[in-house]
Protein backbone atom coordinates (compact mmCIF):
# COMPACT_ATOMS: atom_id res chain seq x y z
CA MET A 1 20.32 -23.43 3.19
CA ASN A 2 19.91 -19.64 2.49
CA ILE A 3 18.61 -17.83 5.53
CA PHE A 4 18.11 -14.65 3.19
CA SER A 5 16.01 -16.43 0.69
CA THR A 6 12.93 -14.74 -0.71
CA LYS A 7 10.92 -17.87 -0.84
CA ASN A 8 9.66 -20.08 2.02
CA THR A 9 9.96 -23.75 2.32
CA SER A 10 6.76 -24.14 0.40
CA GLY A 11 8.06 -22.44 -2.42
CA ALA A 12 5.55 -19.49 -2.40
CA PRO A 13 7.30 -16.13 -2.58
CA ALA A 14 7.64 -14.56 0.88
CA LEU A 15 6.39 -11.16 2.08
CA PRO A 16 9.02 -8.56 2.66
CA SER A 17 9.60 -8.79 6.57
CA ALA A 18 11.71 -5.75 7.47
CA ILE A 19 9.88 -2.46 7.98
CA SER A 20 12.05 0.40 6.42
CA SER A 21 9.71 3.40 7.38
CA ILE A 22 7.29 4.07 10.09
CA ILE A 23 4.79 6.96 10.27
CA GLY A 24 4.47 7.23 14.17
CA GLN A 25 1.41 7.66 16.25
CA ASP A 26 1.95 11.33 16.58
CA MET A 27 2.46 12.00 12.79
CA SER A 28 -0.30 13.35 10.43
CA VAL A 29 0.51 13.27 6.92
CA ILE A 30 -1.55 15.04 4.16
CA GLY A 31 -0.51 14.25 0.53
CA ASP A 32 0.36 11.33 -1.55
CA LEU A 33 2.83 8.61 -0.66
CA SER A 34 4.97 6.21 -2.97
CA PHE A 35 7.20 3.49 -1.53
CA GLN A 36 9.29 0.53 -2.78
CA SER A 37 9.89 -1.11 0.60
CA LYS A 38 7.66 -2.20 3.58
CA ILE A 39 6.26 0.61 5.69
CA GLN A 40 4.05 0.82 8.85
CA ILE A 41 1.27 3.31 9.61
CA ASP A 42 0.78 4.11 13.07
CA GLY A 43 -0.40 7.66 12.60
CA ARG A 44 -2.91 9.37 9.96
CA ILE A 45 -2.50 9.73 6.37
CA GLN A 46 -4.82 11.63 4.10
CA GLY A 47 -3.87 10.90 0.76
CA ASN A 48 -3.15 7.97 -1.64
CA LEU A 49 -0.66 5.49 -1.22
CA THR A 50 1.22 3.35 -3.87
CA GLY A 51 3.94 0.74 -3.00
CA THR A 52 4.98 -2.67 -2.33
CA SER A 53 4.33 -3.75 1.28
CA LEU A 54 2.09 -1.94 3.80
CA VAL A 55 1.09 -2.50 7.40
CA VAL A 56 -1.64 -0.25 9.08
CA SER A 57 -1.26 -0.79 12.97
CA GLU A 58 -4.30 -0.46 15.19
CA SER A 59 -3.72 3.30 15.75
CA GLY A 60 -3.01 3.66 11.95
CA ARG A 61 -5.69 5.60 9.75
CA ILE A 62 -5.56 6.21 6.16
CA VAL A 63 -8.29 8.39 4.24
CA GLY A 64 -7.45 7.70 0.53
CA ASN A 65 -7.06 5.07 -2.03
CA VAL A 66 -4.21 2.30 -1.57
CA ILE A 67 -2.48 0.34 -4.49
CA THR A 68 0.05 -2.25 -2.95
CA GLU A 69 1.14 -5.64 -3.44
CA SER A 70 0.51 -6.46 0.08
CA LEU A 71 -1.30 -5.00 2.93
CA VAL A 72 -1.88 -6.25 6.65
CA CYS A 73 -4.54 -3.88 8.15
CA TYR A 74 -5.00 -3.81 11.98
CA GLY A 75 -6.35 -0.01 11.72
CA GLN A 76 -8.92 1.96 9.52
CA ILE A 77 -8.75 2.57 5.94
CA ASP A 78 -11.41 4.88 4.18
CA GLY A 79 -10.83 4.38 0.55
CA ASP A 80 -10.69 2.26 -2.47
CA LEU A 81 -7.92 -0.61 -2.31
CA THR A 82 -6.21 -2.54 -5.18
CA VAL A 83 -4.06 -5.06 -3.57
CA GLY A 84 -2.29 -8.28 -4.10
CA LYS A 85 -2.53 -9.72 -0.98
CA LEU A 86 -4.86 -8.39 1.77
CA PHE A 87 -4.75 -9.31 5.47
CA LEU A 88 -7.64 -7.79 7.29
CA LYS A 89 -7.08 -8.47 10.86
CA LYS A 90 -9.62 -8.58 13.82
CA THR A 91 -9.29 -4.79 15.00
CA GLY A 92 -9.19 -3.79 11.13
CA VAL A 93 -11.81 -1.74 9.46
CA ILE A 94 -11.99 -1.05 5.60
CA ASN A 95 -14.58 1.20 4.20
CA GLY A 96 -14.35 1.27 0.35
CA ARG A 97 -14.10 -0.88 -2.71
CA VAL A 98 -11.52 -3.63 -2.65
CA GLU A 99 -9.77 -5.45 -5.51
CA THR A 100 -7.43 -8.25 -4.54
CA SER A 101 -6.37 -11.70 -5.71
CA ASP A 102 -5.85 -13.07 -2.10
CA LEU A 103 -8.12 -12.04 0.74
CA SER A 104 -7.68 -13.02 4.35
CA VAL A 105 -10.33 -11.68 7.05
CA GLU A 106 -10.03 -12.78 10.59
CA SER A 107 -13.04 -12.94 12.69
CA GLY A 108 -14.12 -9.44 13.88
CA GLY A 109 -12.51 -7.49 10.94
CA SER A 110 -14.81 -5.20 9.27
CA LEU A 111 -14.97 -4.85 5.33
CA ASN A 112 -17.87 -2.37 4.14
CA GLY A 113 -17.91 -2.11 0.56
CA GLU A 114 -17.57 -3.83 -2.75
CA ILE A 115 -15.24 -6.73 -3.33
CA LYS A 116 -13.86 -7.62 -6.59
CA ALA A 117 -11.21 -10.45 -7.55
CA LEU A 118 -8.15 -9.46 -9.42
CA SER A 119 -7.26 -12.06 -12.27
CA GLN A 120 -5.35 -15.05 -10.77
CA GLY A 121 -2.48 -16.56 -12.39
CA LYS A 122 0.22 -14.07 -11.97
CA ASP A 123 1.49 -12.05 -8.87
CA PHE A 124 0.15 -8.52 -8.71
CA LYS A 125 3.12 -5.90 -8.94
CA VAL A 126 3.08 -2.43 -8.46
CA LYS A 127 4.92 -0.10 -10.89
CA LEU A 128 5.77 3.35 -9.50
CA GLU A 129 5.74 6.27 -11.77
CA THR A 130 8.74 8.49 -11.63
CA LYS A 131 8.38 12.18 -12.55
CA PRO A 132 11.34 13.73 -14.10
CA THR A 133 12.61 16.80 -12.26
CA GLU A 134 12.54 19.98 -13.98
CA ASN A 135 15.59 21.49 -15.16
CA PRO A 136 15.39 25.25 -15.49
CA SER A 137 18.05 25.11 -18.32
CA GLN A 138 15.76 22.96 -20.36
CA LYS A 139 12.52 25.40 -20.24
CA PRO A 140 11.34 26.79 -23.46
CA PRO A 141 12.35 30.28 -23.98
CA GLU A 142 9.68 32.89 -23.37
CA SER A 143 9.30 33.76 -26.82
CA ALA A 144 8.29 29.99 -27.75
CA LYS A 145 5.29 30.44 -25.49
CA GLU A 146 2.26 31.59 -26.96
């Protein structure tokens, strides 16, 4: 038996379990975030999030759109969500349009908005776009700009 297997005993893929980054309660972030791991939001974010796995704690608040493979929400999100697996807990509040292929809402959780099913059949995967860094030596000469 492999204890580091990415599959559970039922054969279904397991969600990433180790949190690699935390935005603390005393932190406030303004701007977009991209991530390829599991992050936890205890503070406030004003911006869009794109990544693999996200946990929003009871003290966490996001104002912006979220695209992620899995989301566990104990806090509040004001924005549109595109999520493979969404777990809305009893203290969670989502205000916005939700697109998901797997939705679980605990009694007491609040979902205010439109819900749309993502196509079933294959797992939802997020592809992060990488922007090339600008190299000053590759800039066109001033005479080429018109």
